[in-house]
Amino acid sequence: MTLKLAPIILFVYNRLWHTEQTILSLQKNELAYDSDLIIYSDGPKNDEDKHRVNEVRKYIHSIDGFKNISIIERERNYGLATSIISGVTEIINHHGSAIIIEDDMVTSRFLLKYLNDGLNIYSNIEEVISIHGYIYPVKEVNSDTFFLRGADCWGWATWKRGWDLFNPDGSELLTELKKNKLEMEFDFNNSYPYTKMLSGQTKGKNDSWAVRWYASAFLNNKLSLYPSKSLVHNTGCDGSGHHCKTYSDDYASSLNDEPIEIKKIPVEDNIFMRKQFENYFKSINKPPGIIKRLLNKIDL
């Protein structure tokens, strides 16, 4: 059977070095040459950003190493959330599936194979909403791959049937969580303030698309597949990221340089790994970690 390759959507803005590192790592993937790359370049917020945006645009027009490269340059600034939501919707509606990468994601050379394998193997399993390439630096794992309820945002892939469940209305999502008394479970047994983050989004304190993606999947009782070792490293936690305003190494996972074989496993929430995530969140939420973490990650 020929492996169907999903297009790669890359979102860039004004960080030249980060974008270069992301492209260089993607080019090393064995499936890059056979994959379509679609780049969305957001427009500058102000005159101060124009030069840096133009630097990035000059660079992305020079890259090669992919089957086809399409570049969409926004004339105005969409902002991260609107740019991702609109871009993913456009490409998913046309292609049926997609791999989504942001400009601060350095990837393992096996990420594209892992994500494409996952998309193909679980394409007809309705309970699975996405394939995710990053895992927190947890202490223990009990499987090469595992499922957790919800969805995530650092190097991921989905199908149209999955993205169609995305609800951009944070107020509706928050109301549904509270009505069903799901806040504790949504917050990994109160170890991570996802509900507070979603509430902040409804009040305009942050513009996170990712918490709405997680909530949409969670409320529909859908699962995402995770690897036992991370295939993504986020360079945006150097302080340049939209939600990482100061340096944080809390999320630094070693980049795996070995392929992760995807086999069909029971499609169910992995309770052991859910507990590992909970323990990890608690370990970095201890004072003063909780203050640093809230400031770095969610801009409440």
C-alpha atoms as a PDB file:
ATOM      1  CA  MET A   1       0.000   0.000   0.000  1.00  0.00           C
ATOM      2  CA  THR A   2       1.354   3.424  -0.969  1.00  0.00           C
ATOM      3  CA  LEU A   3       1.561   5.805   1.969  1.00  0.00           C
ATOM      4  CA  LYS A   4      -0.634   8.843   1.410  1.00  0.00           C
ATOM      5  CA  LEU A   5       1.289  11.923   2.494  1.00  0.00           C
ATOM      6  CA  ALA A   6      -0.510  14.840   4.090  1.00  0.00           C
ATOM      7  CA  PRO A   7       0.517  18.391   3.184  1.00  0.00           C
ATOM      8  CA  ILE A   8       2.616  20.243   5.759  1.00  0.00           C
ATOM      9  CA  ILE A   9       1.265  23.613   6.870  1.00  0.00           C
ATOM     10  CA  LEU A  10       3.910  25.922   8.351  1.00  0.00           C
ATOM     11  CA  PHE A  11       2.958  29.179  10.091  1.00  0.00           C
ATOM     12  CA  VAL A  12       5.642  31.883  10.213  1.00  0.00           C
ATOM     13  CA  TYR A  13       5.834  35.494  11.292  1.00  0.00           C
ATOM     14  CA  ASN A  14       8.947  37.522  12.142  1.00  0.00           C
ATOM     15  CA  ARG A  15      11.497  35.117  13.653  1.00  0.00           C
ATOM     16  CA  LEU A  16      14.099  34.381  10.998  1.00  0.00           C
ATOM     17  CA  TRP A  17      16.446  32.176  13.059  1.00  0.00           C
ATOM     18  CA  HIS A  18      13.607  30.067  14.440  1.00  0.00           C
ATOM     19  CA  THR A  19      12.075  29.644  10.985  1.00  0.00           C
ATOM     20  CA  GLU A  20      15.450  28.584   9.564  1.00  0.00           C
ATOM     21  CA  GLN A  21      15.894  25.934  12.260  1.00  0.00           C
ATOM     22  CA  THR A  22      12.389  24.606  11.654  1.00  0.00           C
ATOM     23  CA  ILE A  23      12.926  24.363   7.889  1.00  0.00           C
ATOM     24  CA  LEU A  24      16.367  22.765   8.251  1.00  0.00           C
ATOM     25  CA  SER A  25      14.980  20.078  10.546  1.00  0.00           C
ATOM     26  CA  LEU A  26      11.991  19.411   8.282  1.00  0.00           C
ATOM     27  CA  GLN A  27      14.292  19.067   5.261  1.00  0.00           C
ATOM     28  CA  LYS A  28      16.130  16.238   7.039  1.00  0.00           C
ATOM     29  CA  ASN A  29      12.926  14.199   7.238  1.00  0.00           C
ATOM     30  CA  GLU A  30      12.951  11.261   4.854  1.00  0.00           C
ATOM     31  CA  LEU A  31       9.486  12.145   3.496  1.00  0.00           C
ATOM     32  CA  ALA A  32      10.153  15.871   2.977  1.00  0.00           C
ATOM     33  CA  TYR A  33      11.052  15.563  -0.709  1.00  0.00           C
ATOM     34  CA  ASP A  34       7.723  13.852  -1.427  1.00  0.00           C
ATOM     35  CA  SER A  35       5.627  16.225   0.688  1.00  0.00           C
ATOM     36  CA  ASP A  36       3.865  19.470  -0.191  1.00  0.00           C
ATOM     37  CA  LEU A  37       4.789  22.413   2.030  1.00  0.00           C
ATOM     38  CA  ILE A  38       2.322  25.268   2.430  1.00  0.00           C
ATOM     39  CA  ILE A  39       3.628  28.314   4.280  1.00  0.00           C
ATOM     40  CA  TYR A  40       1.414  30.992   5.781  1.00  0.00           C
ATOM     41  CA  SER A  41       3.300  34.226   6.449  1.00  0.00           C
ATOM     42  CA  ASP A  42       1.345  36.580   8.694  1.00  0.00           C
ATOM     43  CA  GLY A  43       1.435  40.310   7.975  1.00  0.00           C
ATOM     44  CA  PRO A  44       3.271  42.751  10.271  1.00  0.00           C
ATOM     45  CA  LYS A  45       1.496  44.180  13.315  1.00  0.00           C
ATOM     46  CA  ASN A  46       3.180  47.532  12.880  1.00  0.00           C
ATOM     47  CA  ASP A  47       5.919  49.368  10.991  1.00  0.00           C
ATOM     48  CA  GLU A  48       8.477  48.117  13.497  1.00  0.00           C
ATOM     49  CA  ASP A  49       7.778  44.493  12.489  1.00  0.00           C
ATOM     50  CA  LYS A  50       7.864  45.030   8.718  1.00  0.00           C
ATOM     51  CA  HIS A  51      11.622  44.538   8.315  1.00  0.00           C
ATOM     52  CA  ARG A  52      11.667  41.285  10.298  1.00  0.00           C
ATOM     53  CA  VAL A  53       8.612  39.943   8.465  1.00  0.00           C
ATOM     54  CA  ASN A  54      10.253  40.787   5.132  1.00  0.00           C
ATOM     55  CA  GLU A  55      13.452  38.997   6.210  1.00  0.00           C
ATOM     56  CA  VAL A  56      11.457  35.850   6.882  1.00  0.00           C
ATOM     57  CA  ARG A  57       9.598  36.197   3.580  1.00  0.00           C
ATOM     58  CA  LYS A  58      12.840  36.558   1.650  1.00  0.00           C
ATOM     59  CA  TYR A  59      14.137  33.382   3.291  1.00  0.00           C
ATOM     60  CA  ILE A  60      11.051  31.218   2.712  1.00  0.00           C
ATOM     61  CA  HIS A  61      11.118  32.089  -0.991  1.00  0.00           C
ATOM     62  CA  SER A  62      14.637  30.613  -1.144  1.00  0.00           C
ATOM     63  CA  ILE A  63      13.991  27.191   0.373  1.00  0.00           C
ATOM     64  CA  ASP A  64      13.782  23.876  -1.441  1.00  0.00           C
ATOM     65  CA  GLY A  65      13.750  20.189  -0.550  1.00  0.00           C
ATOM     66  CA  PHE A  66      10.008  19.582  -0.782  1.00  0.00           C
ATOM     67  CA  LYS A  67       7.751  18.281  -3.550  1.00  0.00           C
ATOM     68  CA  ASN A  68       5.889  21.566  -3.933  1.00  0.00           C
ATOM     69  CA  ILE A  69       6.121  24.793  -1.957  1.00  0.00           C
ATOM     70  CA  SER A  70       3.224  27.243  -1.751  1.00  0.00           C
ATOM     71  CA  ILE A  71       3.511  30.545   0.099  1.00  0.00           C
ATOM     72  CA  ILE A  72       0.572  32.634   1.264  1.00  0.00           C
ATOM     73  CA  GLU A  73       1.612  36.112   2.404  1.00  0.00           C
ATOM     74  CA  ARG A  74      -1.022  37.859   4.489  1.00  0.00           C
ATOM     75  CA  GLU A  75      -1.335  41.554   3.684  1.00  0.00           C
ATOM     76  CA  ARG A  76      -2.546  42.353   7.198  1.00  0.00           C
ATOM     77  CA  ASN A  77      -1.784  40.862  10.597  1.00  0.00           C
ATOM     78  CA  TYR A  78      -4.157  38.024  11.420  1.00  0.00           C
ATOM     79  CA  GLY A  79      -2.550  37.141  14.748  1.00  0.00           C
ATOM     80  CA  LEU A  80      -1.485  33.625  15.659  1.00  0.00           C
ATOM     81  CA  ALA A  81      -4.897  32.184  16.520  1.00  0.00           C
ATOM     82  CA  THR A  82      -6.785  33.527  13.498  1.00  0.00           C
ATOM     83  CA  SER A  83      -3.902  32.664  11.185  1.00  0.00           C
ATOM     84  CA  ILE A  84      -3.815  29.049  12.346  1.00  0.00           C
ATOM     85  CA  ILE A  85      -7.580  28.546  12.486  1.00  0.00           C
ATOM     86  CA  SER A  86      -8.173  29.988   9.022  1.00  0.00           C
ATOM     87  CA  GLY A  87      -5.120  28.343   7.450  1.00  0.00           C
ATOM     88  CA  VAL A  88      -5.808  24.870   8.820  1.00  0.00           C
ATOM     89  CA  THR A  89      -9.475  25.122   7.808  1.00  0.00           C
ATOM     90  CA  GLU A  90      -8.586  26.155   4.273  1.00  0.00           C
ATOM     91  CA  ILE A  91      -6.044  23.399   3.676  1.00  0.00           C
ATOM     92  CA  ILE A  92      -7.968  20.654   5.504  1.00  0.00           C
ATOM     93  CA  ASN A  93     -11.115  21.406   3.488  1.00  0.00           C
ATOM     94  CA  HIS A  94      -9.118  21.053   0.273  1.00  0.00           C
ATOM     95  CA  HIS A  95      -6.819  18.121   1.101  1.00  0.00           C
ATOM     96  CA  GLY A  96      -8.752  16.183   3.749  1.00  0.00           C
ATOM     97  CA  SER A  97      -5.819  15.991   6.179  1.00  0.00           C
ATOM     98  CA  ALA A  98      -2.790  18.047   7.166  1.00  0.00           C
ATOM     99  CA  ILE A  99       0.327  18.256   9.318  1.00  0.00           C
ATOM    100  CA  ILE A 100       0.606  21.498  11.281  1.00  0.00           C
ATOM    101  CA  ILE A 101       3.927  23.033  12.331  1.00  0.00           C
ATOM    102  CA  GLU A 102       4.730  26.464  13.767  1.00  0.00           C
ATOM    103  CA  ASP A 103       7.926  28.419  13.166  1.00  0.00           C
ATOM    104  CA  ASP A 104       9.490  27.455  16.497  1.00  0.00           C
ATOM    105  CA  MET A 105       9.205  23.688  16.140  1.00  0.00           C
ATOM    106  CA  VAL A 106      12.460  21.818  15.533  1.00  0.00           C
ATOM    107  CA  THR A 107      11.549  18.315  14.455  1.00  0.00           C
ATOM    108  CA  SER A 108      13.102  14.886  14.536  1.00  0.00           C
ATOM    109  CA  ARG A 109      13.950  13.482  11.107  1.00  0.00           C
ATOM    110  CA  PHE A 110      11.271  10.867  11.771  1.00  0.00           C
ATOM    111  CA  LEU A 111       8.393  13.221  12.596  1.00  0.00           C
ATOM    112  CA  LEU A 112       6.805  13.259   9.135  1.00  0.00           C
ATOM    113  CA  LYS A 113       6.811   9.453   8.933  1.00  0.00           C
ATOM    114  CA  TYR A 114       5.298   9.141  12.397  1.00  0.00           C
ATOM    115  CA  LEU A 115       2.523  11.662  11.665  1.00  0.00           C
ATOM    116  CA  ASN A 116       1.735  10.247   8.226  1.00  0.00           C
ATOM    117  CA  ASP A 117       1.718   6.685   9.559  1.00  0.00           C
ATOM    118  CA  GLY A 118      -0.690   7.762  12.264  1.00  0.00           C
ATOM    119  CA  LEU A 119      -2.958   9.551   9.802  1.00  0.00           C
ATOM    120  CA  ASN A 120      -3.115   6.478   7.594  1.00  0.00           C
ATOM    121  CA  ILE A 121      -3.482   3.825  10.313  1.00  0.00           C
ATOM    122  CA  TYR A 122      -6.185   5.675  12.236  1.00  0.00           C
ATOM    123  CA  SER A 123      -7.889   7.383   9.301  1.00  0.00           C
ATOM    124  CA  ASN A 124     -11.158   5.500   9.797  1.00  0.00           C
ATOM    125  CA  ILE A 125     -11.179   5.355  13.585  1.00  0.00           C
ATOM    126  CA  GLU A 126     -13.728   7.985  14.577  1.00  0.00           C
ATOM    127  CA  GLU A 127     -12.608   8.108  18.206  1.00  0.00           C
ATOM    128  CA  VAL A 128      -9.159   9.417  17.179  1.00  0.00           C
ATOM    129  CA  ILE A 129      -9.074  13.149  16.481  1.00  0.00           C
ATOM    130  CA  SER A 130      -5.355  13.792  15.965  1.00  0.00           C
ATOM    131  CA  ILE A 131      -1.770  12.537  15.990  1.00  0.00           C
ATOM    132  CA  HIS A 132       0.670  14.496  18.157  1.00  0.00           C
ATOM    133  CA  GLY A 133       4.461  14.621  17.917  1.00  0.00           C
ATOM    134  CA  TYR A 134       5.495  16.118  21.254  1.00  0.00           C
ATOM    135  CA  ILE A 135       5.440  14.643  24.746  1.00  0.00           C
ATOM    136  CA  TYR A 136       6.329  16.379  28.005  1.00  0.00           C
ATOM    137  CA  PRO A 137       9.495  15.110  29.734  1.00  0.00           C
ATOM    138  CA  VAL A 138       7.559  12.705  31.932  1.00  0.00           C
ATOM    139  CA  LYS A 139       9.395  10.194  34.116  1.00  0.00           C
ATOM    140  CA  GLU A 140       7.763   7.001  32.851  1.00  0.00           C
ATOM    141  CA  VAL A 141       5.940   5.664  29.800  1.00  0.00           C
ATOM    142  CA  ASN A 142       4.168   2.336  29.397  1.00  0.00           C
ATOM    143  CA  SER A 143       3.817   2.110  25.617  1.00  0.00           C
ATOM    144  CA  ASP A 144       5.584   3.199  22.413  1.00  0.00           C
ATOM    145  CA  THR A 145       2.454   5.206  21.610  1.00  0.00           C
ATOM    146  CA  PHE A 146      -0.616   5.970  23.690  1.00  0.00           C
ATOM    147  CA  PHE A 147      -3.896   7.851  23.617  1.00  0.00           C
ATOM    148  CA  LEU A 148      -5.117  10.686  25.807  1.00  0.00           C
ATOM    149  CA  ARG A 149      -8.495  12.373  25.740  1.00  0.00           C
ATOM    150  CA  GLY A 150      -8.306  15.774  24.037  1.00  0.00           C
ATOM    151  CA  ALA A 151      -5.900  17.302  21.528  1.00  0.00           C
ATOM    152  CA  ASP A 152      -2.574  19.120  21.573  1.00  0.00           C
ATOM    153  CA  CYS A 153      -0.653  21.714  19.590  1.00  0.00           C
ATOM    154  CA  TRP A 154       3.121  21.150  19.175  1.00  0.00           C
ATOM    155  CA  GLY A 155       3.649  19.311  15.883  1.00  0.00           C
ATOM    156  CA  TRP A 156       0.368  17.568  15.111  1.00  0.00           C
ATOM    157  CA  ALA A 157      -1.821  16.227  12.347  1.00  0.00           C
ATOM    158  CA  THR A 158      -5.526  15.708  11.820  1.00  0.00           C
ATOM    159  CA  TRP A 159      -8.218  14.919   9.290  1.00  0.00           C
ATOM    160  CA  LYS A 160     -11.187  16.982   8.113  1.00  0.00           C
ATOM    161  CA  ARG A 161     -13.493  14.851  10.274  1.00  0.00           C
ATOM    162  CA  GLY A 162     -11.375  15.838  13.280  1.00  0.00           C
ATOM    163  CA  TRP A 163     -10.971  19.547  12.532  1.00  0.00           C
ATOM    164  CA  ASP A 164     -14.690  19.839  11.780  1.00  0.00           C
ATOM    165  CA  LEU A 165     -15.234  19.371  15.530  1.00  0.00           C
ATOM    166  CA  PHE A 166     -13.174  22.466  16.359  1.00  0.00           C
ATOM    167  CA  ASN A 167     -15.343  25.074  18.063  1.00  0.00           C
ATOM    168  CA  PRO A 168     -13.792  28.567  18.060  1.00  0.00           C
ATOM    169  CA  ASP A 169     -16.360  29.832  20.602  1.00  0.00           C
ATOM    170  CA  GLY A 170     -14.569  29.577  23.938  1.00  0.00           C
ATOM    171  CA  SER A 171     -17.673  30.667  25.864  1.00  0.00           C
ATOM    172  CA  GLU A 172     -19.666  27.731  24.530  1.00  0.00           C
ATOM    173  CA  LEU A 173     -16.856  25.346  25.406  1.00  0.00           C
ATOM    174  CA  LEU A 174     -16.477  26.746  28.917  1.00  0.00           C
ATOM    175  CA  THR A 175     -20.232  26.552  29.543  1.00  0.00           C
ATOM    176  CA  GLU A 176     -20.278  22.919  28.413  1.00  0.00           C
ATOM    177  CA  LEU A 177     -17.346  22.027  30.680  1.00  0.00           C
ATOM    178  CA  LYS A 178     -18.999  23.583  33.711  1.00  0.00           C
ATOM    179  CA  LYS A 179     -22.438  22.183  32.953  1.00  0.00           C
ATOM    180  CA  ASN A 180     -21.007  18.661  32.928  1.00  0.00           C
ATOM    181  CA  LYS A 181     -18.686  19.336  35.889  1.00  0.00           C
ATOM    182  CA  LEU A 182     -15.634  18.345  33.871  1.00  0.00           C
ATOM    183  CA  GLU A 183     -13.225  21.063  34.996  1.00  0.00           C
ATOM    184  CA  MET A 184     -11.161  18.807  37.278  1.00  0.00           C
ATOM    185  CA  GLU A 185     -10.660  16.155  34.613  1.00  0.00           C
ATOM    186  CA  PHE A 186     -10.016  18.809  31.951  1.00  0.00           C
ATOM    187  CA  ASP A 187      -7.306  20.232  34.225  1.00  0.00           C
ATOM    188  CA  PHE A 188      -5.624  16.841  34.755  1.00  0.00           C
ATOM    189  CA  ASN A 189      -6.954  16.558  38.310  1.00  0.00           C
ATOM    190  CA  ASN A 190      -6.326  20.256  38.953  1.00  0.00           C
ATOM    191  CA  SER A 191      -2.641  19.981  38.049  1.00  0.00           C
ATOM    192  CA  TYR A 192      -2.757  22.398  35.076  1.00  0.00           C
ATOM    193  CA  PRO A 193      -5.002  25.516  34.786  1.00  0.00           C
ATOM    194  CA  TYR A 194      -6.580  24.735  31.400  1.00  0.00           C
ATOM    195  CA  THR A 195     -10.035  25.859  32.557  1.00  0.00           C
ATOM    196  CA  LYS A 196      -8.597  29.167  33.748  1.00  0.00           C
ATOM    197  CA  MET A 197      -6.807  29.515  30.425  1.00  0.00           C
ATOM    198  CA  LEU A 198     -10.065  28.918  28.533  1.00  0.00           C
ATOM    199  CA  SER A 199     -11.845  31.403  30.782  1.00  0.00           C
ATOM    200  CA  GLY A 200      -9.090  33.921  30.061  1.00  0.00           C
ATOM    201  CA  GLN A 201      -9.630  33.435  26.347  1.00  0.00           C
ATOM    202  CA  THR A 202     -13.332  34.229  26.682  1.00  0.00           C
ATOM    203  CA  LYS A 203     -12.430  37.477  28.497  1.00  0.00           C
ATOM    204  CA  GLY A 204      -9.854  38.528  25.908  1.00  0.00           C
ATOM    205  CA  LYS A 205      -6.919  37.980  28.264  1.00  0.00           C
ATOM    206  CA  ASN A 206      -5.345  35.532  25.816  1.00  0.00           C
ATOM    207  CA  ASP A 207      -6.147  34.399  22.294  1.00  0.00           C
ATOM    208  CA  SER A 208      -5.245  30.728  22.551  1.00  0.00           C
ATOM    209  CA  TRP A 209      -6.565  28.597  19.709  1.00  0.00           C
ATOM    210  CA  ALA A 210      -4.881  25.571  21.299  1.00  0.00           C
ATOM    211  CA  VAL A 211      -7.001  25.497  24.473  1.00  0.00           C
ATOM    212  CA  ARG A 212     -10.115  25.670  22.291  1.00  0.00           C
ATOM    213  CA  TRP A 213      -8.818  22.781  20.173  1.00  0.00           C
ATOM    214  CA  TYR A 214      -8.143  20.768  23.330  1.00  0.00           C
ATOM    215  CA  ALA A 215     -11.584  21.597  24.756  1.00  0.00           C
ATOM    216  CA  SER A 216     -13.339  20.777  21.475  1.00  0.00           C
ATOM    217  CA  ALA A 217     -11.723  17.333  21.369  1.00  0.00           C
ATOM    218  CA  PHE A 218     -12.212  16.716  25.090  1.00  0.00           C
ATOM    219  CA  LEU A 219     -15.915  17.571  25.066  1.00  0.00           C
ATOM    220  CA  ASN A 220     -16.477  15.316  22.064  1.00  0.00           C
ATOM    221  CA  ASN A 221     -14.706  12.511  23.963  1.00  0.00           C
ATOM    222  CA  LYS A 222     -12.033  12.198  21.258  1.00  0.00           C
ATOM    223  CA  LEU A 223      -8.471  10.927  21.637  1.00  0.00           C
ATOM    224  CA  SER A 224      -5.048  11.993  20.394  1.00  0.00           C
ATOM    225  CA  LEU A 225      -2.129   9.647  19.807  1.00  0.00           C
ATOM    226  CA  TYR A 226       1.165  10.575  21.521  1.00  0.00           C
ATOM    227  CA  PRO A 227       4.686   9.165  21.103  1.00  0.00           C
ATOM    228  CA  SER A 228       6.669   7.758  24.013  1.00  0.00           C
ATOM    229  CA  LYS A 229       9.608   9.991  23.043  1.00  0.00           C
ATOM    230  CA  SER A 230       9.314  13.506  21.720  1.00  0.00           C
ATOM    231  CA  LEU A 231       9.741  14.143  18.012  1.00  0.00           C
ATOM    232  CA  VAL A 232       9.424  17.907  18.479  1.00  0.00           C
ATOM    233  CA  HIS A 233      11.436  20.484  20.397  1.00  0.00           C
ATOM    234  CA  ASN A 234       9.962  23.968  20.911  1.00  0.00           C
ATOM    235  CA  THR A 235      12.607  26.667  20.444  1.00  0.00           C
ATOM    236  CA  GLY A 236      10.049  29.385  21.220  1.00  0.00           C
ATOM    237  CA  CYS A 237      10.501  28.819  24.946  1.00  0.00           C
ATOM    238  CA  ASP A 238      13.650  30.941  24.678  1.00  0.00           C
ATOM    239  CA  GLY A 239      11.404  33.924  25.353  1.00  0.00           C
ATOM    240  CA  SER A 240      10.472  34.733  21.752  1.00  0.00           C
ATOM    241  CA  GLY A 241       7.271  32.684  21.636  1.00  0.00           C
ATOM    242  CA  HIS A 242       3.783  34.158  21.654  1.00  0.00           C
ATOM    243  CA  HIS A 243       2.995  32.417  24.953  1.00  0.00           C
ATOM    244  CA  CYS A 244       6.579  32.083  26.229  1.00  0.00           C
ATOM    245  CA  LYS A 245       7.602  35.626  27.102  1.00  0.00           C
ATOM    246  CA  THR A 246      10.562  34.633  29.262  1.00  0.00           C
ATOM    247  CA  TYR A 247      12.920  31.674  29.099  1.00  0.00           C
ATOM    248  CA  SER A 248      11.567  28.372  30.364  1.00  0.00           C
ATOM    249  CA  ASP A 249      13.050  24.889  30.141  1.00  0.00           C
ATOM    250  CA  ASP A 250      10.030  23.254  31.811  1.00  0.00           C
ATOM    251  CA  TYR A 251       8.910  21.843  28.473  1.00  0.00           C
ATOM    252  CA  ALA A 252      12.295  20.815  27.081  1.00  0.00           C
ATOM    253  CA  SER A 253      12.107  17.205  25.906  1.00  0.00           C
ATOM    254  CA  SER A 254      15.100  15.541  24.288  1.00  0.00           C
ATOM    255  CA  LEU A 255      14.559  15.219  20.547  1.00  0.00           C
ATOM    256  CA  ASN A 256      14.227  11.549  19.639  1.00  0.00           C
ATOM    257  CA  ASP A 257      16.419  10.441  16.751  1.00  0.00           C
ATOM    258  CA  GLU A 258      14.928   6.994  16.272  1.00  0.00           C
ATOM    259  CA  PRO A 259      11.763   6.046  14.369  1.00  0.00           C
ATOM    260  CA  ILE A 260       8.647   5.337  16.406  1.00  0.00           C
ATOM    261  CA  GLU A 261       6.638   2.510  14.930  1.00  0.00           C
ATOM    262  CA  ILE A 262       2.895   3.012  15.073  1.00  0.00           C
ATOM    263  CA  LYS A 263       0.831  -0.100  15.630  1.00  0.00           C
ATOM    264  CA  LYS A 264      -2.858  -0.332  16.325  1.00  0.00           C
ATOM    265  CA  ILE A 265      -3.374  -0.247  20.070  1.00  0.00           C
ATOM    266  CA  PRO A 266      -6.556  -0.108  22.179  1.00  0.00           C
ATOM    267  CA  VAL A 267      -8.288   3.174  21.383  1.00  0.00           C
ATOM    268  CA  GLU A 268      -8.801   4.385  24.928  1.00  0.00           C
ATOM    269  CA  ASP A 269      -7.568   7.010  27.360  1.00  0.00           C
ATOM    270  CA  ASN A 270      -4.301   5.723  28.844  1.00  0.00           C
ATOM    271  CA  ILE A 271      -4.889   6.160  32.588  1.00  0.00           C
ATOM    272  CA  PHE A 272      -1.261   5.457  33.482  1.00  0.00           C
ATOM    273  CA  MET A 273       0.010   8.156  31.101  1.00  0.00           C
ATOM    274  CA  ARG A 274      -2.689  10.585  32.230  1.00  0.00           C
ATOM    275  CA  LYS A 275      -1.288  10.176  35.739  1.00  0.00           C
ATOM    276  CA  GLN A 276       2.261  10.752  34.417  1.00  0.00           C
ATOM    277  CA  PHE A 277       1.153  14.034  32.840  1.00  0.00           C
ATOM    278  CA  GLU A 278      -0.556  15.002  36.090  1.00  0.00           C
ATOM    279  CA  ASN A 279       2.591  14.258  38.098  1.00  0.00           C
ATOM    280  CA  TYR A 280       4.702  16.235  35.658  1.00  0.00           C
ATOM    281  CA  PHE A 281       2.382  19.252  35.807  1.00  0.00           C
ATOM    282  CA  LYS A 282       2.450  19.153  39.600  1.00  0.00           C
ATOM    283  CA  SER A 283       6.252  18.992  39.609  1.00  0.00           C
ATOM    284  CA  ILE A 284       6.565  22.279  37.722  1.00  0.00           C
ATOM    285  CA  ASN A 285       3.658  23.967  39.490  1.00  0.00           C
ATOM    286  CA  LYS A 286       5.387  24.096  42.856  1.00  0.00           C
ATOM    287  CA  PRO A 287       6.229  27.670  43.923  1.00  0.00           C
ATOM    288  CA  PRO A 288       7.865  29.583  42.357  1.00  0.00           C
ATOM    289  CA  GLY A 289       7.329  27.323  39.347  1.00  0.00           C
ATOM    290  CA  ILE A 290       3.614  27.959  39.139  1.00  0.00           C
ATOM    291  CA  ILE A 291       4.162  31.706  38.804  1.00  0.00           C
ATOM    292  CA  LYS A 292       6.808  31.253  36.128  1.00  0.00           C
ATOM    293  CA  ARG A 293       4.673  28.715  34.321  1.00  0.00           C
ATOM    294  CA  LEU A 294       1.558  30.854  34.220  1.00  0.00           C
ATOM    295  CA  LEU A 295       3.520  33.842  32.971  1.00  0.00           C
ATOM    296  CA  ASN A 296       5.436  31.847  30.387  1.00  0.00           C
ATOM    297  CA  LYS A 297       2.686  29.718  29.001  1.00  0.00           C
ATOM    298  CA  ILE A 298      -0.734  31.269  29.080  1.00  0.00           C
ATOM    299  CA  ASP A 299      -0.581  35.044  29.533  1.00  0.00           C
ATOM    300  CA  LEU A 300      -3.500  35.123  31.979  1.00  0.00           C
END
